[in-house]
């Protein structure tokens, strides 16, 4: 279950980074990709929590 803390750390980092990207119009594409990654991480966390 070592993967769960790593995913939670990555999620926290990306969620903290995202608002700053929202203020940068030149980084809009990056913000979209980060949003996609956040959703994927949330799904992975849910799946791991349901397993264990």
Protein backbone atom coordinates (compact mmCIF):
# COMPACT_ATOMS: atom_id res chain seq x y z
CA UNK A 1 0.00 0.00 0.00
CA UNK A 2 2.98 2.31 -0.38
CA UNK A 3 1.40 3.64 -3.57
CA UNK A 4 -1.48 5.33 -1.73
CA UNK A 5 0.66 7.88 0.19
CA UNK A 6 2.59 8.67 -2.99
CA UNK A 7 -0.63 9.30 -4.91
CA UNK A 8 -1.98 11.48 -2.12
CA UNK A 9 1.23 13.53 -2.10
CA UNK A 10 1.13 13.96 -5.87
CA UNK A 11 -2.54 14.94 -5.71
CA UNK A 12 -1.86 17.57 -3.04
CA UNK A 13 1.02 19.00 -5.08
CA UNK A 14 -1.03 19.24 -8.28
CA UNK A 15 -4.05 20.71 -6.51
CA UNK A 16 -1.82 23.38 -4.99
CA UNK A 17 -0.22 24.14 -8.36
CA UNK A 18 -3.44 24.34 -10.37
CA UNK A 19 -4.80 27.71 -9.11
CA UNK A 20 -1.55 29.43 -10.06
CA UNK A 21 -1.78 28.00 -13.56
CA UNK A 22 -5.32 29.30 -13.87
CA UNK A 23 -3.98 32.84 -13.70
CA UNK A 24 -1.55 32.22 -16.57
CA UNK A 25 -3.31 32.21 -19.94
CA UNK A 26 -0.12 31.00 -21.62
CA UNK A 27 -0.26 27.80 -19.55
CA UNK A 28 -3.89 26.88 -20.17
CA UNK A 29 -3.00 23.63 -21.91
CA UNK A 30 -0.84 22.57 -18.97
CA UNK A 31 -3.70 23.33 -16.58
CA UNK A 32 -6.00 21.06 -18.60
CA UNK A 33 -3.46 18.23 -18.46
CA UNK A 34 -3.04 18.69 -14.71
CA UNK A 35 -6.81 18.55 -14.23
CA UNK A 36 -6.88 15.26 -16.14
CA UNK A 37 -4.06 13.88 -13.98
CA UNK A 38 -5.83 15.00 -10.79
CA UNK A 39 -8.96 13.10 -11.81
CA UNK A 40 -6.95 9.99 -12.68
CA UNK A 41 -5.17 10.11 -9.31
CA UNK A 42 -8.50 10.49 -7.49
CA UNK A 43 -9.81 7.41 -9.31
CA UNK A 44 -6.68 5.43 -8.43
CA UNK A 45 -6.95 6.48 -4.77
CA UNK A 46 -10.61 5.42 -4.64
CA UNK A 47 -9.78 2.06 -6.19
CA UNK A 48 -6.96 1.44 -3.71
CA UNK A 49 -9.12 2.44 -0.76
CA UNK A 50 -11.93 0.14 -1.88
CA UNK A 51 -9.48 -2.78 -2.15
CA UNK A 52 -7.89 -2.40 1.22
